């Protein structure tokens, strides 16, 4: 089919690659405009823009697809369908109705659970045992359209947002290829989402990232893993030069009790409101990520140290 692809982050790259490999004609790739990245905050293209340009595909990066000239350009592509993966803009009905067969979104949850911007993170933070990916036909409502295809994945006790992302991205890419093949053959059978069970995966905010040691160990563990590797759940540790901000990137719950926020041994076992978490991987502010053992060789945190 003749397609447009709309996506921005690394999660979307496997799907674009799979659609090209499947033989579809990608008439244009849309992505968010280049944004400041890295220490120098230089403007850099999104992962999708970089990938598409490296393969010689035409790319557009409009600040808004609502602009009349952008709507006209999109309609002028004479598309069979559009594939959308984490594009980052709400699409108007003019855009949704422009392709002959509609626009289809790959979403990283089992809808209607976790509609919205951060389904992978929110699923882990909520303690979900399973998640998945679905391809739906897009409608005006946020992630409310009928579903064409689904896969289910288990969330393991040591999964982080990063590891779950890395499993869902290729699985979702194959799912999109399969759904569009069924659509091209006229065999797609969209199924309306259930009316009950809808939840919203709101965007991760700075207020979501600080660890509160007075919360239970399971809740803190889920926060740590759900925000790893980015933006990272963090705490403050004392040093001779004042408090140091440290991200906890991997943890596990252990059967121990102690005062919340206090190290219970010399190996980053930290007391919580109930139970304790063992921090396994960290990143000190301005430093590379490290295992707890490597970190502690340069920044000891013996039993009794109080964290904030």
Protein backbone atom coordinates (compact mmCIF):
# COMPACT_ATOMS: atom_id res chain seq x y z
CA UNK A 1 0.00 0.00 0.00
CA UNK A 2 0.92 3.63 -0.32
CA UNK A 3 1.46 4.82 3.24
CA UNK A 4 2.45 7.78 5.35
CA UNK A 5 4.28 7.03 8.58
CA UNK A 6 3.90 9.29 11.60
CA UNK A 7 6.21 8.69 14.56
CA UNK A 8 8.93 10.28 16.66
CA UNK A 9 10.82 8.20 19.29
CA UNK A 10 13.03 5.13 19.10
CA UNK A 11 10.00 2.94 19.87
CA UNK A 12 8.60 3.77 16.41
CA UNK A 13 11.74 2.87 14.41
CA UNK A 14 11.18 -0.93 14.24
CA UNK A 15 7.69 -0.39 12.81
CA UNK A 16 8.89 1.93 10.05
CA UNK A 17 11.68 -0.51 9.23
CA UNK A 18 9.23 -3.43 9.12
CA UNK A 19 6.83 -1.60 6.82
CA UNK A 20 9.66 -0.81 4.40
CA UNK A 21 10.83 -4.43 4.54
CA UNK A 22 7.26 -5.62 3.87
CA UNK A 23 7.29 -3.74 0.57
CA UNK A 24 4.93 -0.87 1.32
CA UNK A 25 5.52 2.42 -0.45
CA UNK A 26 6.21 5.03 2.24
CA UNK A 27 5.23 8.26 0.51
CA UNK A 28 6.20 10.52 3.41
CA UNK A 29 7.42 10.26 7.00
CA UNK A 30 6.18 12.75 9.60
CA UNK A 31 7.95 13.41 12.88
CA UNK A 32 8.17 16.04 15.59
CA UNK A 33 10.56 18.92 14.83
CA UNK A 34 14.22 18.63 15.88
CA UNK A 35 14.61 19.34 19.58
CA UNK A 36 17.50 20.31 21.91
CA UNK A 37 19.33 17.19 23.07
CA UNK A 38 22.48 16.30 24.95
CA UNK A 39 24.72 18.46 27.10
CA UNK A 40 25.13 21.13 24.43
CA UNK A 41 21.38 21.26 23.81
CA UNK A 42 21.97 21.38 20.06
CA UNK A 43 18.96 20.79 17.83
CA UNK A 44 18.90 17.14 16.77
CA UNK A 45 16.42 15.17 14.67
CA UNK A 46 14.15 12.62 16.29
CA UNK A 47 15.09 8.94 15.92
CA UNK A 48 12.41 8.53 13.24
CA UNK A 49 13.59 11.55 11.25
CA UNK A 50 17.19 10.35 11.36
CA UNK A 51 16.20 6.81 10.35
CA UNK A 52 13.98 7.97 7.48
CA UNK A 53 16.51 10.43 6.09
CA UNK A 54 19.25 7.80 6.19
CA UNK A 55 17.05 5.69 3.90
CA UNK A 56 16.24 8.52 1.53
CA UNK A 57 12.59 8.88 2.51
CA UNK A 58 10.87 12.28 2.31
CA UNK A 59 10.37 13.73 5.80
CA UNK A 60 8.19 16.53 7.11
CA UNK A 61 8.49 17.89 10.67
CA UNK A 62 5.61 20.34 11.14
CA UNK A 63 5.13 21.94 14.52
CA UNK A 64 1.43 21.25 13.99
CA UNK A 65 -0.46 19.13 11.49
CA UNK A 66 -3.47 21.39 12.07
CA UNK A 67 -2.07 24.10 9.80
CA UNK A 68 -4.15 24.30 6.60
CA UNK A 69 -1.09 23.93 4.37
CA UNK A 70 -0.07 20.76 6.22
CA UNK A 71 -3.56 19.28 5.96
CA UNK A 72 -3.55 20.00 2.22
CA UNK A 73 -0.09 18.47 1.78
CA UNK A 74 -1.14 15.34 3.67
CA UNK A 75 -4.32 14.96 1.63
CA UNK A 76 -2.30 15.45 -1.55
CA UNK A 77 -0.24 12.32 -0.85
CA UNK A 78 -3.16 10.17 -2.10
CA UNK A 79 -2.60 7.56 0.61
CA UNK A 80 -4.14 4.15 1.07
CA UNK A 81 -3.49 4.35 4.82
CA UNK A 82 -1.30 5.95 7.47
CA UNK A 83 0.63 4.14 10.22
CA UNK A 84 1.08 6.07 13.46
CA UNK A 85 3.43 5.15 16.33
CA UNK A 86 4.02 7.61 19.19
CA UNK A 87 3.85 10.63 16.90
CA UNK A 88 3.21 13.12 19.68
CA UNK A 89 0.42 15.23 18.15
CA UNK A 90 -3.36 14.90 18.22
CA UNK A 91 -4.62 14.28 14.68
CA UNK A 92 -7.66 16.17 13.45
CA UNK A 93 -10.49 14.53 11.57
CA UNK A 94 -9.23 16.12 8.33
CA UNK A 95 -6.01 14.12 8.75
CA UNK A 96 -7.71 10.96 9.99
CA UNK A 97 -10.08 10.89 7.02
CA UNK A 98 -7.55 11.75 4.31
CA UNK A 99 -6.17 8.22 3.61
CA UNK A 100 -8.52 5.98 1.65
CA UNK A 101 -8.59 3.31 4.39
CA UNK A 102 -7.89 5.51 7.42
CA UNK A 103 -5.11 5.98 9.99
CA UNK A 104 -3.87 3.14 12.23
CA UNK A 105 -2.07 3.54 15.52
CA UNK A 106 0.21 1.09 17.33
CA UNK A 107 -0.37 1.56 21.06
CA UNK A 108 1.71 -0.10 23.79
CA UNK A 109 -1.05 -1.37 26.06
CA UNK A 110 -4.17 -3.51 26.07
CA UNK A 111 -6.85 -0.93 25.49
CA UNK A 112 -8.88 0.55 27.03
CA UNK A 113 -6.33 0.26 29.84
CA UNK A 114 -3.63 2.93 29.70
CA UNK A 115 -4.84 5.21 26.98
CA UNK A 116 -2.51 8.16 26.61
CA UNK A 117 1.14 9.16 26.62
CA UNK A 118 2.99 6.80 28.98
CA UNK A 119 1.41 3.32 28.88
CA UNK A 120 4.63 1.34 29.40
CA UNK A 121 5.69 3.31 32.47
CA UNK A 122 2.23 3.40 34.00
CA UNK A 123 1.68 -0.33 33.58
CA UNK A 124 4.82 -1.14 35.58
CA UNK A 125 4.17 1.56 38.17
CA UNK A 126 0.65 0.21 38.73
CA UNK A 127 1.91 -3.34 39.24
CA UNK A 128 0.23 -4.82 36.15
CA UNK A 129 1.22 -8.43 35.47
CA UNK A 130 0.49 -8.33 31.74
CA UNK A 131 0.50 -5.73 29.01
CA UNK A 132 0.72 -5.82 25.25
CA UNK A 133 0.33 -3.86 22.05
CA UNK A 134 -2.62 -3.21 19.80
CA UNK A 135 -3.25 -1.72 16.38
CA UNK A 136 -6.41 0.37 16.27
CA UNK A 137 -8.14 2.52 13.69
CA UNK A 138 -7.80 6.07 14.92
CA UNK A 139 -10.84 8.16 15.76
CA UNK A 140 -11.28 11.64 17.19
CA UNK A 141 -11.25 10.26 20.77
CA UNK A 142 -7.89 9.64 22.46
CA UNK A 143 -6.93 5.98 21.84
CA UNK A 144 -10.62 5.05 21.63
CA UNK A 145 -10.79 3.49 18.16
CA UNK A 146 -11.67 -0.11 17.25
CA UNK A 147 -8.86 -2.67 17.53
CA UNK A 148 -7.61 -4.67 14.54
CA UNK A 149 -4.87 -6.78 16.14
CA UNK A 150 -3.38 -7.52 19.57
CA UNK A 151 -0.48 -9.23 21.31
CA UNK A 152 -0.01 -9.88 25.01
CA UNK A 153 3.26 -9.83 26.97
CA UNK A 154 3.97 -10.69 30.59
CA UNK A 155 5.53 -8.05 32.84
CA UNK A 156 8.26 -9.76 34.87
CA UNK A 157 9.32 -8.76 38.38
CA UNK A 158 12.62 -7.34 37.09
CA UNK A 159 11.21 -5.57 34.03
CA UNK A 160 11.93 -1.88 33.68
CA UNK A 161 10.30 0.54 31.29
CA UNK A 162 13.41 0.08 29.16
CA UNK A 163 13.32 -3.71 28.97
CA UNK A 164 9.57 -3.75 28.35
CA UNK A 165 9.97 -1.08 25.65
CA UNK A 166 12.62 -3.23 23.96
CA UNK A 167 10.30 -6.24 23.88
CA UNK A 168 7.20 -4.35 22.80
CA UNK A 169 8.80 -2.36 19.97
CA UNK A 170 9.68 -5.28 17.64
CA UNK A 171 6.58 -7.23 18.61
CA UNK A 172 4.44 -4.19 17.84
CA UNK A 173 6.21 -3.71 14.51
CA UNK A 174 5.28 -7.22 13.40
CA UNK A 175 1.73 -6.61 14.62
CA UNK A 176 1.38 -3.47 12.50
CA UNK A 177 2.63 -5.30 9.41
CA UNK A 178 0.11 -8.08 10.00
CA UNK A 179 -2.76 -5.66 10.58
CA UNK A 180 -2.03 -3.69 7.42
CA UNK A 181 -1.75 -6.89 5.38
CA UNK A 182 -5.23 -7.87 6.57
CA UNK A 183 -6.47 -4.37 5.77
CA UNK A 184 -5.04 -4.52 2.24
CA UNK A 185 -6.74 -7.87 1.62
CA UNK A 186 -10.06 -6.63 2.97
CA UNK A 187 -9.86 -9.13 5.84
CA UNK A 188 -9.48 -6.69 8.76
CA UNK A 189 -12.21 -7.04 11.40
CA UNK A 190 -12.01 -4.08 13.81
CA UNK A 191 -13.50 -4.75 17.24
CA UNK A 192 -14.85 -1.93 19.41
CA UNK A 193 -13.05 -1.41 22.72
CA UNK A 194 -14.91 -2.34 25.92
CA UNK A 195 -16.71 0.53 27.59
CA UNK A 196 -15.47 -0.48 31.04
CA UNK A 197 -11.92 -0.57 32.37
CA UNK A 198 -10.55 2.57 30.72
CA UNK A 199 -7.57 4.19 32.45
CA UNK A 200 -5.40 7.12 31.38
CA UNK A 201 -1.59 6.91 31.23
CA UNK A 202 -0.82 10.55 31.84
CA UNK A 203 2.56 11.94 30.88
CA UNK A 204 5.34 11.46 33.43
CA UNK A 205 5.86 14.67 35.38
CA UNK A 206 8.78 15.78 37.57
CA UNK A 207 6.56 15.26 40.62
CA UNK A 208 6.33 11.55 39.73
CA UNK A 209 10.07 10.96 39.92
CA UNK A 210 11.21 11.59 43.51
CA UNK A 211 11.21 8.49 45.71
CA UNK A 212 9.22 8.78 48.92
CA UNK A 213 10.66 6.29 51.35
CA UNK A 214 7.55 6.41 53.55
CA UNK A 215 5.71 4.50 50.81
CA UNK A 216 5.70 0.72 50.72
CA UNK A 217 8.63 -1.21 49.27
CA UNK A 218 6.56 -2.69 46.41
CA UNK A 219 5.34 0.75 45.41
CA UNK A 220 8.85 2.22 45.45
CA UNK A 221 10.19 -0.76 43.50
CA UNK A 222 7.53 -0.28 40.82
CA UNK A 223 8.30 3.44 40.64
CA UNK A 224 12.02 2.76 40.23
CA UNK A 225 11.55 0.16 37.51
CA UNK A 226 8.74 2.05 35.78
CA UNK A 227 10.86 5.19 35.39
CA UNK A 228 14.06 3.42 34.32
CA UNK A 229 16.08 4.37 32.36
CA UNK A 230 14.36 7.70 31.78
CA UNK A 231 13.61 10.01 33.48
CA UNK A 232 14.66 7.94 36.50
CA UNK A 233 13.35 7.84 40.05
CA UNK A 234 15.72 9.69 42.38
CA UNK A 235 16.71 10.38 45.96
CA UNK A 236 19.26 12.53 47.79
CA UNK A 237 22.26 11.01 49.57
CA UNK A 238 24.49 12.92 52.00
CA UNK A 239 28.10 13.74 51.16
CA UNK A 240 30.84 16.02 52.48
CA UNK A 241 29.86 18.60 49.85
CA UNK A 242 26.15 18.40 50.52
CA UNK A 243 23.28 16.30 49.20
CA UNK A 244 23.94 14.37 45.98
CA UNK A 245 21.11 13.46 43.63
CA UNK A 246 21.13 9.79 42.64
CA UNK A 247 18.82 7.93 40.27
CA UNK A 248 17.78 4.41 41.18
CA UNK A 249 17.44 2.44 37.92
CA UNK A 250 16.84 -1.12 39.12
CA UNK A 251 15.66 -2.58 42.41
CA UNK A 252 14.00 -5.53 44.07
CA UNK A 253 11.82 -5.94 47.14
CA UNK A 254 13.35 -7.75 50.11
CA UNK A 255 11.89 -9.04 53.34
CA UNK A 256 13.38 -6.61 55.82
CA UNK A 257 12.07 -3.88 58.08
CA UNK A 258 13.64 -0.63 59.14
CA UNK A 259 13.19 3.10 59.38
CA UNK A 260 12.04 4.59 56.06
CA UNK A 261 14.89 6.13 54.08
CA UNK A 262 17.65 4.57 56.19
CA UNK A 263 20.24 2.14 54.80
CA UNK A 264 19.75 -1.22 56.54
CA UNK A 265 23.10 -2.65 55.44
CA UNK A 266 26.19 -1.62 53.48
CA UNK A 267 24.73 -2.77 50.13
CA UNK A 268 21.92 -0.28 49.38
CA UNK A 269 19.10 -2.05 51.17
CA UNK A 270 16.82 0.87 52.08
CA UNK A 271 13.95 0.81 54.54
CA UNK A 272 10.52 1.88 53.33
CA UNK A 273 7.15 2.57 54.94
CA UNK A 274 6.74 -1.20 54.93
CA UNK A 275 9.44 -3.61 53.80
CA UNK A 276 12.65 -2.59 52.04
CA UNK A 277 14.09 -2.26 48.54
CA UNK A 278 17.52 -3.37 47.41
CA UNK A 279 18.83 -0.89 44.82
CA UNK A 280 20.77 -2.77 42.14
CA UNK A 281 21.71 -0.12 39.59
CA UNK A 282 22.17 3.62 40.02
CA UNK A 283 23.30 6.78 38.28
CA UNK A 284 24.94 9.52 40.27
CA UNK A 285 24.28 13.03 38.99
CA UNK A 286 26.70 13.77 36.15
CA UNK A 287 28.06 10.20 36.09
CA UNK A 288 27.48 7.06 34.04
CA UNK A 289 25.14 4.30 35.20
CA UNK A 290 26.73 1.70 37.47
CA UNK A 291 25.91 -1.42 39.40
CA UNK A 292 25.37 -0.90 43.10
CA UNK A 293 28.68 -2.63 43.88
CA UNK A 294 30.66 -0.37 41.53
CA UNK A 295 28.87 2.72 42.77
CA UNK A 296 29.54 1.93 46.42
CA UNK A 297 33.28 1.57 45.83
CA UNK A 298 33.43 5.27 45.05
CA UNK A 299 30.51 6.48 47.15
CA UNK A 300 30.08 4.33 50.27
CA UNK A 301 26.66 4.32 51.91
CA UNK A 302 27.02 2.24 55.08
CA UNK A 303 24.20 1.03 57.30
CA UNK A 304 22.56 3.91 59.11
CA UNK A 305 22.95 6.48 56.36
CA UNK A 306 19.77 8.49 55.99
CA UNK A 307 18.47 9.32 52.51
CA UNK A 308 16.04 12.02 51.49
